[in-house]
Amino acid sequence: MRFGEFLVSRGYVTDEQVETALMIQQEREENEHVRVKVGEVLVAIYAISHDKLRKALKEFEDAGLMVR
């Protein structure tokens, strides 16, 4: 399971917020040759707080999943 899907499944963000973050992530990679993580983008667009992101990352890792 991808981290964005996990965030949606746990109610942290919406599908639309993840889609927006993925588009921004792709644009940054193509235009600036910079790889940013979807969680960083979600925080930048105020879809999730830093604290909730940290909590979600811990839950993700506790579930035996890894962020790439």
PDB file of N, CA and C in Angstrom:
ATOM      1  N   MET A   1       0.840  -1.181   0.000  1.00  0.00           N
ATOM      2  CA  MET A   1       0.000   0.000   0.000  1.00  0.00           C
ATOM      3  C   MET A   1       0.882   1.240   0.000  1.00  0.00           C
ATOM      4  N   ARG A   2       0.539   2.190  -0.838  1.00  0.00           N
ATOM      5  CA  ARG A   2       1.275   3.457  -0.897  1.00  0.00           C
ATOM      6  C   ARG A   2       0.865   4.319   0.295  1.00  0.00           C
ATOM      7  N   PHE A   3       1.756   5.212   0.691  1.00  0.00           N
ATOM      8  CA  PHE A   3       1.505   6.032   1.870  1.00  0.00           C
ATOM      9  C   PHE A   3       0.276   6.922   1.690  1.00  0.00           C
ATOM     10  N   GLY A   4       0.094   7.496   0.513  1.00  0.00           N
ATOM     11  CA  GLY A   4      -1.083   8.323   0.267  1.00  0.00           C
ATOM     12  C   GLY A   4      -2.376   7.540   0.434  1.00  0.00           C
ATOM     13  N   GLU A   5      -2.385   6.313  -0.062  1.00  0.00           N
ATOM     14  CA  GLU A   5      -3.566   5.454   0.103  1.00  0.00           C
ATOM     15  C   GLU A   5      -3.825   5.177   1.576  1.00  0.00           C
ATOM     16  N   PHE A   6      -2.750   4.948   2.307  1.00  0.00           N
ATOM     17  CA  PHE A   6      -2.858   4.704   3.738  1.00  0.00           C
ATOM     18  C   PHE A   6      -3.471   5.914   4.445  1.00  0.00           C
ATOM     19  N   LEU A   7      -2.995   7.108   4.107  1.00  0.00           N
ATOM     20  CA  LEU A   7      -3.521   8.320   4.729  1.00  0.00           C
ATOM     21  C   LEU A   7      -5.014   8.474   4.474  1.00  0.00           C
ATOM     22  N   VAL A   8      -5.436   8.168   3.252  1.00  0.00           N
ATOM     23  CA  VAL A   8      -6.856   8.248   2.917  1.00  0.00           C
ATOM     24  C   VAL A   8      -7.641   7.190   3.689  1.00  0.00           C
ATOM     25  N   SER A   9      -7.118   5.967   3.733  1.00  0.00           N
ATOM     26  CA  SER A   9      -7.830   4.876   4.406  1.00  0.00           C
ATOM     27  C   SER A   9      -8.010   5.137   5.895  1.00  0.00           C
ATOM     28  N   ARG A  10      -7.106   5.907   6.490  1.00  0.00           N
ATOM     29  CA  ARG A  10      -7.191   6.222   7.914  1.00  0.00           C
ATOM     30  C   ARG A  10      -7.918   7.544   8.176  1.00  0.00           C
ATOM     31  N   GLY A  11      -8.339   8.207   7.115  1.00  0.00           N
ATOM     32  CA  GLY A  11      -9.094   9.445   7.275  1.00  0.00           C
ATOM     33  C   GLY A  11      -8.280  10.692   7.532  1.00  0.00           C
ATOM     34  N   TYR A  12      -6.974  10.612   7.317  1.00  0.00           N
ATOM     35  CA  TYR A  12      -6.132  11.783   7.540  1.00  0.00           C
ATOM     36  C   TYR A  12      -6.310  12.834   6.448  1.00  0.00           C
ATOM     37  N   VAL A  13      -6.490  12.391   5.211  1.00  0.00           N
ATOM     38  CA  VAL A  13      -6.646  13.283   4.064  1.00  0.00           C
ATOM     39  C   VAL A  13      -7.666  12.667   3.107  1.00  0.00           C
ATOM     40  N   THR A  14      -8.029  13.446   2.084  1.00  0.00           N
ATOM     41  CA  THR A  14      -8.975  12.950   1.083  1.00  0.00           C
ATOM     42  C   THR A  14      -8.222  12.470  -0.163  1.00  0.00           C
ATOM     43  N   ASP A  15      -8.936  11.732  -0.995  1.00  0.00           N
ATOM     44  CA  ASP A  15      -8.359  11.311  -2.281  1.00  0.00           C
ATOM     45  C   ASP A  15      -7.913  12.518  -3.087  1.00  0.00           C
ATOM     46  N   GLU A  16      -8.734  13.555  -3.079  1.00  0.00           N
ATOM     47  CA  GLU A  16      -8.431  14.755  -3.857  1.00  0.00           C
ATOM     48  C   GLU A  16      -7.144  15.427  -3.371  1.00  0.00           C
ATOM     49  N   GLN A  17      -6.955  15.455  -2.063  1.00  0.00           N
ATOM     50  CA  GLN A  17      -5.728  16.050  -1.523  1.00  0.00           C
ATOM     51  C   GLN A  17      -4.500  15.247  -1.932  1.00  0.00           C
ATOM     52  N   VAL A  18      -4.610  13.939  -1.921  1.00  0.00           N
ATOM     53  CA  VAL A  18      -3.488  13.093  -2.350  1.00  0.00           C
ATOM     54  C   VAL A  18      -3.218  13.302  -3.833  1.00  0.00           C
ATOM     55  N   GLU A  19      -4.259  13.358  -4.646  1.00  0.00           N
ATOM     56  CA  GLU A  19      -4.078  13.582  -6.086  1.00  0.00           C
ATOM     57  C   GLU A  19      -3.392  14.915  -6.343  1.00  0.00           C
ATOM     58  N   THR A  20      -3.797  15.945  -5.634  1.00  0.00           N
ATOM     59  CA  THR A  20      -3.160  17.259  -5.771  1.00  0.00           C
ATOM     60  C   THR A  20      -1.696  17.177  -5.373  1.00  0.00           C
ATOM     61  N   ALA A  21      -1.423  16.522  -4.255  1.00  0.00           N
ATOM     62  CA  ALA A  21      -0.035  16.377  -3.790  1.00  0.00           C
ATOM     63  C   ALA A  21       0.807  15.603  -4.799  1.00  0.00           C
ATOM     64  N   LEU A  22       0.239  14.571  -5.400  1.00  0.00           N
ATOM     65  CA  LEU A  22       0.984  13.779  -6.391  1.00  0.00           C
ATOM     66  C   LEU A  22       1.280  14.606  -7.643  1.00  0.00           C
ATOM     67  N   MET A  23       0.333  15.459  -8.046  1.00  0.00           N
ATOM     68  CA  MET A  23       0.581  16.331  -9.202  1.00  0.00           C
ATOM     69  C   MET A  23       1.697  17.325  -8.904  1.00  0.00           C
ATOM     70  N   ILE A  24       1.662  17.916  -7.715  1.00  0.00           N
ATOM     71  CA  ILE A  24       2.708  18.858  -7.313  1.00  0.00           C
ATOM     72  C   ILE A  24       4.048  18.141  -7.238  1.00  0.00           C
ATOM     73  N   GLN A  25       4.054  16.951  -6.676  1.00  0.00           N
ATOM     74  CA  GLN A  25       5.278  16.153  -6.569  1.00  0.00           C
ATOM     75  C   GLN A  25       5.871  15.905  -7.951  1.00  0.00           C
ATOM     76  N   GLN A  26       5.029  15.528  -8.902  1.00  0.00           N
ATOM     77  CA  GLN A  26       5.498  15.250 -10.256  1.00  0.00           C
ATOM     78  C   GLN A  26       6.020  16.517 -10.928  1.00  0.00           C
ATOM     79  N   GLU A  27       5.321  17.630 -10.748  1.00  0.00           N
ATOM     80  CA  GLU A  27       5.772  18.902 -11.330  1.00  0.00           C
ATOM     81  C   GLU A  27       7.130  19.306 -10.779  1.00  0.00           C
ATOM     82  N   ARG A  28       7.313  19.169  -9.473  1.00  0.00           N
ATOM     83  CA  ARG A  28       8.603  19.525  -8.859  1.00  0.00           C
ATOM     84  C   ARG A  28       9.720  18.659  -9.421  1.00  0.00           C
ATOM     85  N   GLU A  29       9.418  17.370  -9.602  1.00  0.00           N
ATOM     86  CA  GLU A  29      10.430  16.459 -10.124  1.00  0.00           C
ATOM     87  C   GLU A  29      10.790  16.820 -11.567  1.00  0.00           C
ATOM     88  N   GLU A  30       9.776  17.103 -12.376  1.00  0.00           N
ATOM     89  CA  GLU A  30      10.015  17.417 -13.783  1.00  0.00           C
ATOM     90  C   GLU A  30      10.664  18.782 -13.978  1.00  0.00           C
ATOM     91  N   ASN A  31      10.191  19.797 -13.253  1.00  0.00           N
ATOM     92  CA  ASN A  31      10.656  21.161 -13.471  1.00  0.00           C
ATOM     93  C   ASN A  31      11.905  21.529 -12.688  1.00  0.00           C
ATOM     94  N   GLU A  32      12.017  21.029 -11.491  1.00  0.00           N
ATOM     95  CA  GLU A  32      13.124  21.414 -10.615  1.00  0.00           C
ATOM     96  C   GLU A  32      14.088  20.267 -10.346  1.00  0.00           C
ATOM     97  N   HIS A  33      13.756  19.090 -10.841  1.00  0.00           N
ATOM     98  CA  HIS A  33      14.569  17.884 -10.627  1.00  0.00           C
ATOM     99  C   HIS A  33      14.795  17.628  -9.141  1.00  0.00           C
ATOM    100  N   VAL A  34      13.726  17.901  -8.366  1.00  0.00           N
ATOM    101  CA  VAL A  34      13.759  17.718  -6.922  1.00  0.00           C
ATOM    102  C   VAL A  34      12.723  16.676  -6.564  1.00  0.00           C
ATOM    103  N   ARG A  35      13.115  15.689  -5.770  1.00  0.00           N
ATOM    104  CA  ARG A  35      12.189  14.645  -5.327  1.00  0.00           C
ATOM    105  C   ARG A  35      11.703  15.000  -3.930  1.00  0.00           C
ATOM    106  N   VAL A  36      10.415  15.235  -3.803  1.00  0.00           N
ATOM    107  CA  VAL A  36       9.821  15.504  -2.491  1.00  0.00           C
ATOM    108  C   VAL A  36       8.844  14.389  -2.163  1.00  0.00           C
ATOM    109  N   LYS A  37       8.695  14.121  -0.901  1.00  0.00           N
ATOM    110  CA  LYS A  37       7.786  13.060  -0.473  1.00  0.00           C
ATOM    111  C   LYS A  37       6.362  13.604  -0.423  1.00  0.00           C
ATOM    112  N   VAL A  38       5.411  12.728  -0.683  1.00  0.00           N
ATOM    113  CA  VAL A  38       4.007  13.142  -0.728  1.00  0.00           C
ATOM    114  C   VAL A  38       3.581  13.741   0.611  1.00  0.00           C
ATOM    115  N   GLY A  39       4.075  13.222   1.706  1.00  0.00           N
ATOM    116  CA  GLY A  39       3.742  13.781   3.024  1.00  0.00           C
ATOM    117  C   GLY A  39       4.204  15.217   3.173  1.00  0.00           C
ATOM    118  N   GLU A  40       5.396  15.525   2.651  1.00  0.00           N
ATOM    119  CA  GLU A  40       5.915  16.889   2.709  1.00  0.00           C
ATOM    120  C   GLU A  40       5.019  17.836   1.921  1.00  0.00           C
ATOM    121  N   VAL A  41       4.543  17.374   0.769  1.00  0.00           N
ATOM    122  CA  VAL A  41       3.652  18.203  -0.052  1.00  0.00           C
ATOM    123  C   VAL A  41       2.322  18.395   0.662  1.00  0.00           C
ATOM    124  N   LEU A  42       1.780  17.348   1.257  1.00  0.00           N
ATOM    125  CA  LEU A  42       0.518  17.459   1.972  1.00  0.00           C
ATOM    126  C   LEU A  42       0.608  18.461   3.119  1.00  0.00           C
ATOM    127  N   VAL A  43       1.732  18.500   3.803  1.00  0.00           N
ATOM    128  CA  VAL A  43       1.935  19.498   4.860  1.00  0.00           C
ATOM    129  C   VAL A  43       2.016  20.893   4.234  1.00  0.00           C
ATOM    130  N   ALA A  44       2.731  21.021   3.135  1.00  0.00           N
ATOM    131  CA  ALA A  44       2.901  22.318   2.480  1.00  0.00           C
ATOM    132  C   ALA A  44       1.582  22.901   1.980  1.00  0.00           C
ATOM    133  N   ILE A  45       0.638  22.045   1.593  1.00  0.00           N
ATOM    134  CA  ILE A  45      -0.659  22.538   1.107  1.00  0.00           C
ATOM    135  C   ILE A  45      -1.711  22.540   2.221  1.00  0.00           C
ATOM    136  N   TYR A  46      -1.257  22.373   3.451  1.00  0.00           N
ATOM    137  CA  TYR A  46      -2.116  22.424   4.634  1.00  0.00           C
ATOM    138  C   TYR A  46      -3.207  21.354   4.643  1.00  0.00           C
ATOM    139  N   ALA A  47      -2.911  20.205   4.054  1.00  0.00           N
ATOM    140  CA  ALA A  47      -3.861  19.094   4.071  1.00  0.00           C
ATOM    141  C   ALA A  47      -3.727  18.283   5.363  1.00  0.00           C
ATOM    142  N   ILE A  48      -2.535  18.338   5.972  1.00  0.00           N
ATOM    143  CA  ILE A  48      -2.263  17.588   7.193  1.00  0.00           C
ATOM    144  C   ILE A  48      -1.204  18.348   7.986  1.00  0.00           C
ATOM    145  N   SER A  49      -1.291  18.260   9.297  1.00  0.00           N
ATOM    146  CA  SER A  49      -0.296  18.929  10.144  1.00  0.00           C
ATOM    147  C   SER A  49       0.950  18.052  10.284  1.00  0.00           C
ATOM    148  N   HIS A  50       2.030  18.680  10.722  1.00  0.00           N
ATOM    149  CA  HIS A  50       3.264  17.919  10.973  1.00  0.00           C
ATOM    150  C   HIS A  50       3.021  16.827  12.009  1.00  0.00           C
ATOM    151  N   ASP A  51       2.285  17.164  13.065  1.00  0.00           N
ATOM    152  CA  ASP A  51       2.030  16.188  14.131  1.00  0.00           C
ATOM    153  C   ASP A  51       1.233  14.993  13.625  1.00  0.00           C
ATOM    154  N   LYS A  52       0.191  15.251  12.851  1.00  0.00           N
ATOM    155  CA  LYS A  52      -0.608  14.148  12.320  1.00  0.00           C
ATOM    156  C   LYS A  52       0.197  13.328  11.314  1.00  0.00           C
ATOM    157  N   LEU A  53       1.049  13.976  10.548  1.00  0.00           N
ATOM    158  CA  LEU A  53       1.898  13.247   9.602  1.00  0.00           C
ATOM    159  C   LEU A  53       2.842  12.311  10.349  1.00  0.00           C
ATOM    160  N   ARG A  54       3.456  12.800  11.415  1.00  0.00           N
ATOM    161  CA  ARG A  54       4.348  11.946  12.222  1.00  0.00           C
ATOM    162  C   ARG A  54       3.585  10.755  12.803  1.00  0.00           C
ATOM    163  N   LYS A  55       2.366  11.022  13.302  1.00  0.00           N
ATOM    164  CA  LYS A  55       1.543   9.950  13.848  1.00  0.00           C
ATOM    165  C   LYS A  55       1.216   8.924  12.765  1.00  0.00           C
ATOM    166  N   ALA A  56       0.852   9.392  11.588  1.00  0.00           N
ATOM    167  CA  ALA A  56       0.509   8.492  10.483  1.00  0.00           C
ATOM    168  C   ALA A  56       1.730   7.684  10.042  1.00  0.00           C
ATOM    169  N   LEU A  57       2.895   8.306  10.000  1.00  0.00           N
ATOM    170  CA  LEU A  57       4.118   7.578   9.630  1.00  0.00           C
ATOM    171  C   LEU A  57       4.394   6.456  10.620  1.00  0.00           C
ATOM    172  N   LYS A  58       4.193   6.733  11.912  1.00  0.00           N
ATOM    173  CA  LYS A  58       4.405   5.696  12.917  1.00  0.00           C
ATOM    174  C   LYS A  58       3.412   4.559  12.723  1.00  0.00           C
ATOM    175  N   GLU A  59       2.134   4.886  12.485  1.00  0.00           N
ATOM    176  CA  GLU A  59       1.122   3.852  12.246  1.00  0.00           C
ATOM    177  C   GLU A  59       1.474   3.026  11.007  1.00  0.00           C
ATOM    178  N   PHE A  60       1.962   3.695   9.969  1.00  0.00           N
ATOM    179  CA  PHE A  60       2.334   3.040   8.721  1.00  0.00           C
ATOM    180  C   PHE A  60       3.459   2.044   8.973  1.00  0.00           C
ATOM    181  N   GLU A  61       4.470   2.480   9.688  1.00  0.00           N
ATOM    182  CA  GLU A  61       5.602   1.614  10.011  1.00  0.00           C
ATOM    183  C   GLU A  61       5.192   0.488  10.957  1.00  0.00           C
ATOM    184  N   ASP A  62       4.331   0.783  11.924  1.00  0.00           N
ATOM    185  CA  ASP A  62       3.853  -0.240  12.865  1.00  0.00           C
ATOM    186  C   ASP A  62       3.041  -1.318  12.153  1.00  0.00           C
ATOM    187  N   ALA A  63       2.446  -0.942  11.021  1.00  0.00           N
ATOM    188  CA  ALA A  63       1.675  -1.909  10.231  1.00  0.00           C
ATOM    189  C   ALA A  63       2.595  -2.754   9.349  1.00  0.00           C
ATOM    190  N   GLY A  64       3.905  -2.520   9.473  1.00  0.00           N
ATOM    191  CA  GLY A  64       4.867  -3.301   8.698  1.00  0.00           C
ATOM    192  C   GLY A  64       5.076  -2.779   7.287  1.00  0.00           C
ATOM    193  N   LEU A  65       4.665  -1.546   7.050  1.00  0.00           N
ATOM    194  CA  LEU A  65       4.809  -0.954   5.723  1.00  0.00           C
ATOM    195  C   LEU A  65       5.983   0.011   5.751  1.00  0.00           C
ATOM    196  N   MET A  66       6.517   0.300   4.580  1.00  0.00           N
ATOM    197  CA  MET A  66       7.679   1.188   4.495  1.00  0.00           C
ATOM    198  C   MET A  66       7.406   2.321   3.537  1.00  0.00           C
ATOM    199  N   VAL A  67       7.868   3.528   3.917  1.00  0.00           N
ATOM    200  CA  VAL A  67       7.781   4.693   3.049  1.00  0.00           C
ATOM    201  C   VAL A  67       8.979   4.650   2.119  1.00  0.00           C
ATOM    202  N   ARG A  68       8.696   4.851   0.827  1.00  0.00           N
ATOM    203  CA  ARG A  68       9.795   4.857  -0.152  1.00  0.00           C
ATOM    204  C   ARG A  68      10.255   6.247  -0.429  1.00  0.00           C
TER     205      ARG A  68
END
